[in-house]
Amino acid sequence: MGSIDVIQKKYEILSDIVIKVSGRVHGSQRETGLIDILVYFEVPLGMKDEVKRKFNDFVLSIITRTN
């Protein structure tokens, strides 16, 4: 959740992290009064935990800066 700018930044960071490990990012969106966005990624075997850790570290840095 968050503003469009925050969501877009999170998507860009996730994409950068996934691409660096030779993965792919997929997504779709729909509008139902609100905007629903589904993002999923594919990475080589054994890289999922690293991608999740790096993304979570980024999200935590955003939370820390805004508090």
Protein backbone atom coordinates (compact mmCIF):
# COMPACT_ATOMS: atom_id res chain seq x y z
CA MET A 1 0.00 0.00 0.00
CA GLY A 2 1.02 3.60 -0.35
CA SER A 3 0.98 6.44 -2.77
CA ILE A 4 1.42 5.82 -6.47
CA ASP A 5 4.97 7.19 -6.25
CA VAL A 6 5.91 4.82 -3.43
CA ILE A 7 4.39 1.82 -5.21
CA GLN A 8 6.15 2.73 -8.45
CA LYS A 9 9.49 3.08 -6.64
CA LYS A 10 9.03 -0.32 -4.96
CA TYR A 11 8.25 -1.89 -8.36
CA GLU A 12 11.35 -0.31 -9.90
CA ILE A 13 13.59 -1.52 -7.07
CA LEU A 14 12.14 -5.05 -7.21
CA SER A 15 12.67 -5.09 -10.99
CA ASP A 16 16.28 -3.96 -10.62
CA ILE A 17 17.01 -6.61 -7.98
CA VAL A 18 15.39 -9.39 -10.02
CA ILE A 19 17.10 -8.40 -13.28
CA LYS A 20 20.52 -8.38 -11.55
CA VAL A 21 20.07 -12.09 -10.78
CA SER A 22 18.92 -12.85 -14.36
CA GLY A 23 15.25 -13.09 -13.46
CA ARG A 24 12.06 -11.67 -14.89
CA VAL A 25 9.26 -9.55 -13.41
CA HIS A 26 5.63 -9.94 -14.49
CA GLY A 27 2.60 -7.98 -13.49
CA SER A 28 -0.96 -7.07 -14.21
CA GLN A 29 -3.38 -4.48 -12.98
CA ARG A 30 -7.09 -3.82 -12.95
CA GLU A 31 -9.25 -0.98 -11.81
CA THR A 32 -12.23 -1.75 -9.60
CA GLY A 33 -12.75 1.65 -8.03
CA LEU A 34 -9.28 1.12 -6.63
CA ILE A 35 -6.25 -0.03 -8.57
CA ASP A 36 -5.24 -3.65 -7.96
CA ILE A 37 -1.70 -4.52 -8.97
CA LEU A 38 -0.29 -8.04 -9.01
CA VAL A 39 3.46 -8.41 -9.40
CA TYR A 40 5.33 -11.68 -9.46
CA PHE A 41 8.86 -12.61 -10.39
CA GLU A 42 10.88 -15.54 -11.65
CA VAL A 43 14.50 -16.02 -10.58
CA PRO A 44 17.03 -18.83 -10.95
CA LEU A 45 16.89 -21.61 -8.36
CA GLY A 46 18.38 -20.59 -5.04
CA MET A 47 18.00 -16.82 -5.63
CA LYS A 48 14.48 -16.27 -4.25
CA ASP A 49 15.60 -15.75 -0.65
CA GLU A 50 18.29 -13.26 -1.69
CA VAL A 51 15.80 -11.24 -3.77
CA LYS A 52 13.26 -11.23 -0.94
CA ARG A 53 15.93 -10.16 1.59
CA LYS A 54 17.19 -7.30 -0.59
CA PHE A 55 13.66 -6.08 -1.30
CA ASN A 56 12.66 -6.27 2.37
CA ASP A 57 15.82 -4.34 3.32
CA PHE A 58 14.80 -1.63 0.84
CA VAL A 59 11.23 -1.46 2.19
CA LEU A 60 12.52 -1.27 5.77
CA SER A 61 14.82 1.61 4.79
CA ILE A 62 11.79 3.51 3.44
CA ILE A 63 9.87 2.90 6.68
CA THR A 64 12.85 3.99 8.78
CA ARG A 65 13.27 7.23 6.81
CA THR A 66 9.59 8.15 7.10
CA ASN A 67 9.34 7.57 10.85
